Amino acid sequence: MDDKVYSLLEKMFIEMEKMKSNMATKDDLSKMATKDDLSNMATKDDLSILSQKIVLLEEKMDRNHKALYDGYQLTYEKLSSLEEKVDRIEKKVEKHDVEIRVLSGSAR
């Protein structure tokens, strides 16, 4: 049992050493935040312009979505109308087939 505990502790120690070596040091952090990097950051004006553009884009997408939905609805209505017409024509054809069979049967 002691061997298992010792081996588990050893594995945990090795993993923690790996994590420690992968962590950023103070030098790495200081290199990340230089003055050049800070000057490239967005300002409040940039963010407000960006938010305005996002709002405009959302409005445009909303209009397009409504137009697409209207087009879909019109297509569905037209399809339903055509299905009804085809059903009526099919019933007429069946009726005519029956009449033809009756007439051709009486002619013999």
Protein backbone atom coordinates (compact mmCIF):
# COMPACT_ATOMS: atom_id res chain seq x y z
CA MET A 1 0.00 0.00 0.00
CA ASP A 2 2.83 2.40 0.84
CA ASP A 3 4.42 1.74 -2.54
CA LYS A 4 1.18 2.72 -4.31
CA VAL A 5 0.91 5.94 -2.32
CA TYR A 6 4.57 6.75 -2.97
CA SER A 7 4.18 6.09 -6.70
CA LEU A 8 1.04 8.25 -6.84
CA LEU A 9 2.82 11.10 -5.05
CA GLU A 10 5.76 10.75 -7.40
CA LYS A 11 3.46 10.99 -10.46
CA MET A 12 1.74 14.04 -9.01
CA PHE A 13 5.09 15.70 -8.36
CA ILE A 14 6.24 15.06 -11.93
CA GLU A 15 3.00 16.52 -13.32
CA MET A 16 3.30 19.62 -11.12
CA GLU A 17 6.89 20.15 -12.29
CA LYS A 18 5.72 19.96 -15.92
CA MET A 19 2.96 22.47 -15.23
CA LYS A 20 5.43 24.77 -13.47
CA SER A 21 7.83 24.71 -16.41
CA ASN A 22 4.98 25.52 -18.80
CA MET A 23 3.78 28.53 -16.81
CA ALA A 24 4.82 31.99 -17.92
CA THR A 25 7.59 33.68 -16.00
CA LYS A 26 7.67 37.35 -15.01
CA ASP A 27 9.95 38.08 -17.97
CA ASP A 28 7.45 36.52 -20.33
CA LEU A 29 4.64 38.61 -18.88
CA SER A 30 6.62 41.85 -19.12
CA LYS A 31 7.42 41.12 -22.77
CA MET A 32 3.74 40.65 -23.50
CA ALA A 33 2.65 44.12 -22.35
CA THR A 34 4.92 46.58 -24.12
CA LYS A 35 4.05 50.16 -25.03
CA ASP A 36 3.69 49.18 -28.70
CA ASP A 37 1.06 46.63 -27.80
CA LEU A 38 -0.85 49.14 -25.70
CA SER A 39 -0.90 51.69 -28.53
CA ASN A 40 -2.50 49.12 -30.81
CA MET A 41 -5.42 48.54 -28.44
CA ALA A 42 -8.89 49.78 -29.40
CA THR A 43 -10.15 53.06 -27.99
CA LYS A 44 -13.66 53.92 -26.82
CA ASP A 45 -14.31 55.64 -30.16
CA ASP A 46 -13.30 52.50 -32.02
CA LEU A 47 -15.62 50.43 -29.86
CA SER A 48 -18.57 52.79 -30.37
CA ILE A 49 -18.04 52.75 -34.15
CA LEU A 50 -17.84 48.99 -34.06
CA SER A 51 -21.03 48.71 -32.02
CA GLN A 52 -22.84 51.02 -34.49
CA LYS A 53 -21.71 48.84 -37.39
CA ILE A 54 -22.90 45.73 -35.56
CA VAL A 55 -26.32 47.30 -35.00
CA LEU A 56 -26.57 48.20 -38.70
CA LEU A 57 -25.58 44.69 -39.65
CA GLU A 58 -28.18 43.20 -37.30
CA GLU A 59 -30.90 45.42 -38.81
CA LYS A 60 -29.89 44.40 -42.33
CA MET A 61 -29.89 40.73 -41.36
CA ASP A 62 -33.34 41.13 -39.79
CA ARG A 63 -34.74 42.67 -42.99
CA ASN A 64 -33.19 39.90 -45.11
CA HIS A 65 -34.55 37.25 -42.77
CA LYS A 66 -38.06 38.67 -43.08
CA ALA A 67 -37.77 38.79 -46.88
CA LEU A 68 -36.58 35.20 -46.99
CA TYR A 69 -39.44 34.09 -44.75
CA ASP A 70 -41.97 35.91 -46.96
CA GLY A 71 -40.51 34.19 -50.02
CA TYR A 72 -40.72 30.82 -48.30
CA GLN A 73 -44.33 31.47 -47.31
CA LEU A 74 -45.31 32.45 -50.88
CA THR A 75 -43.61 29.35 -52.26
CA TYR A 76 -45.43 27.14 -49.75
CA GLU A 77 -48.81 28.71 -50.61
CA LYS A 78 -48.22 28.26 -54.35
CA LEU A 79 -47.17 24.65 -53.82
CA SER A 80 -50.33 23.97 -51.83
CA SER A 81 -52.44 25.51 -54.61
CA LEU A 82 -50.72 23.38 -57.25
CA GLU A 83 -51.19 20.22 -55.17
CA GLU A 84 -54.93 20.90 -54.96
CA LYS A 85 -55.13 21.38 -58.73
CA VAL A 86 -53.21 18.17 -59.38
CA ASP A 87 -55.52 16.27 -57.01
CA ARG A 88 -58.61 17.55 -58.87
CA ILE A 89 -57.11 16.61 -62.24
CA GLU A 90 -56.18 13.15 -60.91
CA LYS A 91 -59.76 12.57 -59.75
CA LYS A 92 -61.08 13.59 -63.20
CA VAL A 93 -58.64 11.23 -64.93
CA GLU A 94 -59.73 8.35 -62.68
CA LYS A 95 -63.39 9.14 -63.39
CA HIS A 96 -62.71 9.23 -67.13
CA ASP A 97 -60.85 5.91 -66.92
CA VAL A 98 -63.88 4.31 -65.27
CA GLU A 99 -66.21 5.80 -67.89
CA ILE A 100 -63.97 4.54 -70.72
CA ARG A 101 -63.96 1.02 -69.25
CA VAL A 102 -67.74 1.07 -68.94
CA LEU A 103 -68.20 2.35 -72.48
CA SER A 104 -65.68 -0.06 -73.94
CA GLY A 105 -67.30 -2.94 -72.05
CA SER A 106 -70.74 -2.09 -73.39
CA ALA A 107 -69.45 -1.81 -76.94
CA ARG A 108 -68.41 -5.47 -77.00
